[in-house]
Amino acid sequence: MPDQLKCLAVNTATKTLSIALVEGDAVSYFYEAAETRDQGNLLLNHILTGLRDNDLDFADLDVLAVVTGPGSFTGIRIGLATMRGIALAADKPLRGFSSFDMFAEHVPDAVNIIAVESWREELYFAVMDEGGHPLIDCGNETPEAFLGRFRRELPGERPIRLSGDGAGALEALLPSAVRAEKEGDAVTVAHLALNRFRATGTGKHALPVPYYLREADVTISSKPARIL
């Protein structure tokens, strides 16, 4: 196995699109921008730019990584479709990680509450211990409903670390909690993928699938169906 494993990782699931090319411990390319309706073009253009700037081709990569959600339904589909296509065409392993994996903050003796934006009143929530193990079921609920469930299922006082792109909604409700200094991004995901790749090797794995915590909003057209 090469010393400087190369990983291309993308996150299109959350409020900030990010793309990273990581070689070993070094970040060779990084791009991020606010979520946009033009994510598909931005994603592929910046993937190609990152490879070109480093004189690399898809064949030079060792592993690919993508965020599978929860988050933006459109963003999740764009990221997965793009990375699955690259993985199949280049015959490269593709690893999937959740938004919760990306935003997780492993702090000794603290509980990590992760809140991910859903573009609705509700947020996506996860609660993990310092080892990244879930302490209660993940959910899609309002901050107030989540805190009620959190206190019922994990009674008692404990240090809390807030992370995720929706964590701001909890700061006023949990004034003693500490907010993560820097949120996870595609670089975080690349390192997760490289660590898993080193541990499990190059064996083939099933391609990742979307991670949804609620059904998509679907509007049925009121126009009569066209008969061709």
Protein backbone atom coordinates (compact mmCIF):
# COMPACT_ATOMS: atom_id res chain seq x y z
CA MET A 1 0.00 0.00 0.00
CA PRO A 2 1.51 3.42 -0.96
CA ASP A 3 2.75 5.68 1.86
CA GLN A 4 0.88 8.70 0.53
CA LEU A 5 -2.61 7.40 -0.06
CA LYS A 6 -4.76 9.80 -2.07
CA CYS A 7 -8.44 10.47 -1.35
CA LEU A 8 -10.97 12.65 -3.14
CA ALA A 9 -13.85 13.54 -0.81
CA VAL A 10 -16.96 15.65 -1.33
CA ASN A 11 -19.78 16.97 0.82
CA THR A 12 -22.88 18.23 -0.95
CA ALA A 13 -25.36 17.29 1.79
CA THR A 14 -25.14 20.29 4.12
CA LYS A 15 -25.22 24.09 4.01
CA THR A 16 -21.65 24.34 2.75
CA LEU A 17 -20.45 22.45 -0.30
CA SER A 18 -16.86 21.24 0.12
CA ILE A 19 -14.40 19.27 -1.99
CA ALA A 20 -11.02 18.02 -0.80
CA LEU A 21 -8.07 16.15 -2.26
CA VAL A 22 -5.91 14.73 0.54
CA GLU A 23 -2.57 12.93 0.10
CA GLY A 24 -1.44 11.23 3.29
CA ASP A 25 -1.85 13.94 5.94
CA ALA A 26 -1.52 16.84 3.49
CA VAL A 27 -4.41 18.71 1.87
CA SER A 28 -3.55 19.14 -1.80
CA TYR A 29 -6.77 20.89 -2.80
CA PHE A 30 -9.74 22.34 -0.95
CA TYR A 31 -12.80 24.25 -2.10
CA GLU A 32 -15.91 25.29 -0.22
CA ALA A 33 -18.89 27.49 -0.96
CA ALA A 34 -22.39 28.11 0.36
CA GLU A 35 -24.96 25.58 -0.82
CA THR A 36 -26.25 26.54 -4.27
CA ARG A 37 -28.66 25.25 -6.85
CA ASP A 38 -25.70 24.95 -9.25
CA GLN A 39 -23.94 22.36 -7.10
CA GLY A 40 -23.74 19.78 -9.89
CA ASN A 41 -21.60 21.98 -12.15
CA LEU A 42 -19.55 23.38 -9.27
CA LEU A 43 -18.82 19.90 -7.97
CA LEU A 44 -17.48 18.38 -11.16
CA ASN A 45 -15.61 21.52 -12.20
CA HIS A 46 -13.76 21.72 -8.89
CA ILE A 47 -13.04 18.01 -8.79
CA LEU A 48 -11.36 18.33 -12.18
CA THR A 49 -9.55 21.52 -11.12
CA GLY A 50 -8.17 19.83 -8.01
CA LEU A 51 -6.86 16.91 -10.01
CA ARG A 52 -5.41 19.10 -12.77
CA ASP A 53 -3.67 21.43 -10.28
CA ASN A 54 -1.91 18.41 -8.75
CA ASP A 55 -1.10 16.65 -12.05
CA LEU A 56 -3.36 13.76 -11.12
CA ASP A 57 -6.00 11.71 -12.86
CA PHE A 58 -8.78 9.59 -11.36
CA ALA A 59 -6.55 6.54 -11.89
CA ASP A 60 -4.04 8.02 -9.40
CA LEU A 61 -6.55 8.07 -6.53
CA ASP A 62 -6.70 5.30 -3.96
CA VAL A 63 -10.12 5.89 -2.45
CA LEU A 64 -13.14 8.17 -2.87
CA ALA A 65 -15.49 9.45 -0.17
CA VAL A 66 -18.89 11.12 -0.07
CA VAL A 67 -21.31 12.42 2.57
CA THR A 68 -24.54 10.43 2.37
CA GLY A 69 -26.77 12.66 4.51
CA PRO A 70 -28.95 13.58 6.23
CA GLY A 71 -29.27 17.07 4.80
CA SER A 72 -30.32 18.48 1.46
CA PHE A 73 -32.14 15.84 -0.58
CA THR A 74 -30.95 17.37 -3.87
CA GLY A 75 -27.40 17.80 -2.60
CA ILE A 76 -27.23 14.21 -1.36
CA ARG A 77 -28.37 12.87 -4.73
CA ILE A 78 -25.90 15.06 -6.66
CA GLY A 79 -22.94 14.02 -4.53
CA LEU A 80 -23.77 10.33 -4.57
CA ALA A 81 -24.51 10.21 -8.30
CA THR A 82 -21.27 12.03 -9.15
CA MET A 83 -19.03 9.97 -6.88
CA ARG A 84 -20.68 6.65 -7.72
CA GLY A 85 -20.15 7.44 -11.40
CA ILE A 86 -16.47 8.24 -10.85
CA ALA A 87 -15.99 5.13 -8.69
CA LEU A 88 -17.49 2.86 -11.31
CA ALA A 89 -15.70 4.46 -14.26
CA ALA A 90 -12.29 4.56 -12.53
CA ASP A 91 -12.78 1.26 -10.66
CA LYS A 92 -12.02 2.89 -7.30
CA PRO A 93 -13.50 2.13 -3.86
CA LEU A 94 -16.06 4.65 -2.62
CA ARG A 95 -16.73 5.08 1.10
CA GLY A 96 -19.81 6.81 2.47
CA PHE A 97 -20.04 8.77 5.72
CA SER A 98 -23.02 10.46 7.32
CA SER A 99 -23.28 14.17 8.05
CA PHE A 100 -23.10 13.16 11.72
CA ASP A 101 -19.76 11.42 11.10
CA MET A 102 -18.43 14.57 9.46
CA PHE A 103 -19.57 16.94 12.22
CA ALA A 104 -18.75 14.67 15.19
CA GLU A 105 -16.56 16.19 17.93
CA HIS A 106 -14.85 13.56 20.07
CA VAL A 107 -14.27 15.31 23.40
CA PRO A 108 -13.30 13.30 26.50
CA ASP A 109 -16.06 13.10 29.15
CA ALA A 110 -18.45 15.19 27.05
CA VAL A 111 -21.62 14.42 25.14
CA ASN A 112 -21.63 15.59 21.53
CA ILE A 113 -24.97 16.89 20.23
CA ILE A 114 -24.88 17.18 16.44
CA ALA A 115 -27.52 19.26 14.68
CA VAL A 116 -27.76 19.25 10.89
CA GLU A 117 -29.77 21.77 8.87
CA SER A 118 -32.90 20.43 7.15
CA TRP A 119 -34.20 23.72 5.66
CA ARG A 120 -37.34 23.26 7.77
CA GLU A 121 -38.41 24.03 11.34
CA GLU A 122 -37.05 20.64 12.37
CA LEU A 123 -33.36 19.72 12.39
CA TYR A 124 -31.58 16.39 12.15
CA PHE A 125 -30.10 15.38 15.50
CA ALA A 126 -27.61 12.82 16.76
CA VAL A 127 -26.02 12.38 20.19
CA MET A 128 -22.65 10.65 20.51
CA ASP A 129 -20.16 9.84 23.24
CA GLU A 130 -16.45 10.65 23.03
CA GLY A 131 -15.85 7.51 20.99
CA GLY A 132 -18.44 8.44 18.36
CA HIS A 133 -21.00 5.88 19.57
CA PRO A 134 -24.68 6.91 19.48
CA LEU A 135 -26.30 7.45 22.87
CA ILE A 136 -29.89 7.89 21.69
CA ASP A 137 -31.68 7.37 18.38
CA CYS A 138 -31.10 9.97 15.69
CA GLY A 139 -34.14 12.08 14.89
CA ASN A 140 -35.76 14.79 12.80
CA GLU A 141 -37.51 17.15 15.20
CA THR A 142 -37.68 20.71 16.48
CA PRO A 143 -34.93 21.81 18.87
CA GLU A 144 -37.45 21.94 21.73
CA ALA A 145 -38.77 18.44 21.04
CA PHE A 146 -35.24 17.09 20.74
CA LEU A 147 -34.13 18.61 24.05
CA GLY A 148 -37.18 17.15 25.79
CA ARG A 149 -36.29 13.69 24.48
CA PHE A 150 -32.58 14.18 25.23
CA ARG A 151 -33.30 15.02 28.89
CA ARG A 152 -35.69 12.11 29.29
CA GLU A 153 -33.35 9.55 27.77
CA LEU A 154 -30.10 10.92 29.22
CA PRO A 155 -31.02 12.46 32.58
CA GLY A 156 -28.40 14.22 34.68
CA GLU A 157 -25.86 16.96 34.11
CA ARG A 158 -22.89 16.45 31.77
CA PRO A 159 -20.59 18.64 29.63
CA ILE A 160 -22.06 19.15 26.16
CA ARG A 161 -20.27 19.95 22.91
CA LEU A 162 -22.46 21.31 20.09
CA SER A 163 -21.53 20.76 16.47
CA GLY A 164 -23.10 20.74 13.04
CA ASP A 165 -24.41 23.41 10.70
CA GLY A 166 -27.70 23.59 12.64
CA ALA A 167 -26.13 23.86 16.10
CA GLY A 168 -26.81 27.58 16.35
CA ALA A 169 -30.48 26.80 17.02
CA LEU A 170 -29.49 25.11 20.30
CA GLU A 171 -27.12 27.70 21.73
CA ALA A 172 -29.81 29.75 23.46
CA LEU A 173 -31.50 26.59 24.77
CA LEU A 174 -28.23 25.14 26.12
CA PRO A 175 -26.25 28.18 27.32
CA SER A 176 -23.66 26.07 29.15
CA ALA A 177 -22.82 23.98 26.07
CA VAL A 178 -19.60 24.63 24.16
CA ARG A 179 -19.81 25.15 20.40
CA ALA A 180 -17.30 23.43 18.13
CA GLU A 181 -14.59 25.85 17.00
CA LYS A 182 -14.48 24.46 13.46
CA GLU A 183 -17.10 22.39 11.69
CA GLY A 184 -16.21 19.25 9.78
CA ASP A 185 -15.93 19.38 6.00
CA ALA A 186 -14.66 17.32 3.07
CA VAL A 187 -11.15 17.26 4.57
CA THR A 188 -12.60 15.58 7.67
CA VAL A 189 -14.36 13.04 5.44
CA ALA A 190 -11.18 12.35 3.47
CA HIS A 191 -9.29 11.54 6.67
CA LEU A 192 -12.14 9.28 7.82
CA ALA A 193 -12.02 7.46 4.49
CA LEU A 194 -8.24 7.09 4.53
CA ASN A 195 -8.32 5.70 8.08
CA ARG A 196 -10.99 3.19 7.10
CA PHE A 197 -9.14 2.30 3.90
CA ARG A 198 -5.92 1.63 5.82
CA ALA A 199 -7.84 -0.55 8.27
CA THR A 200 -9.92 -2.55 5.79
CA GLY A 201 -7.73 -2.57 2.68
CA THR A 202 -8.67 -2.33 -0.96
CA GLY A 203 -11.45 -4.90 -0.98
CA LYS A 204 -14.64 -4.03 -2.84
CA HIS A 205 -17.55 -2.70 -0.82
CA ALA A 206 -21.15 -1.97 -1.73
CA LEU A 207 -21.60 1.55 -3.07
CA PRO A 208 -23.01 3.95 -0.46
CA VAL A 209 -26.67 4.93 -0.53
CA PRO A 210 -28.52 8.04 0.73
CA TYR A 211 -29.10 8.39 4.47
CA TYR A 212 -32.50 10.00 5.01
CA LEU A 213 -34.25 10.60 8.34
CA ARG A 214 -37.51 11.74 6.79
CA GLU A 215 -39.32 11.43 3.50
CA ALA A 216 -38.79 14.02 0.80
CA ASP A 217 -41.33 16.80 0.33
CA VAL A 218 -43.34 15.93 -2.76
CA THR A 219 -45.90 18.22 -4.36
CA ILE A 220 -48.43 16.56 -6.66
CA SER A 221 -49.25 18.70 -9.65
CA SER A 222 -52.88 19.86 -9.89
CA LYS A 223 -52.64 20.05 -13.70
CA PRO A 224 -54.36 17.30 -15.63
CA ALA A 225 -52.05 14.60 -16.92
CA ARG A 226 -51.08 14.86 -20.57
CA ILE A 227 -52.06 11.90 -22.70
CA LEU A 228 -49.70 11.32 -25.60
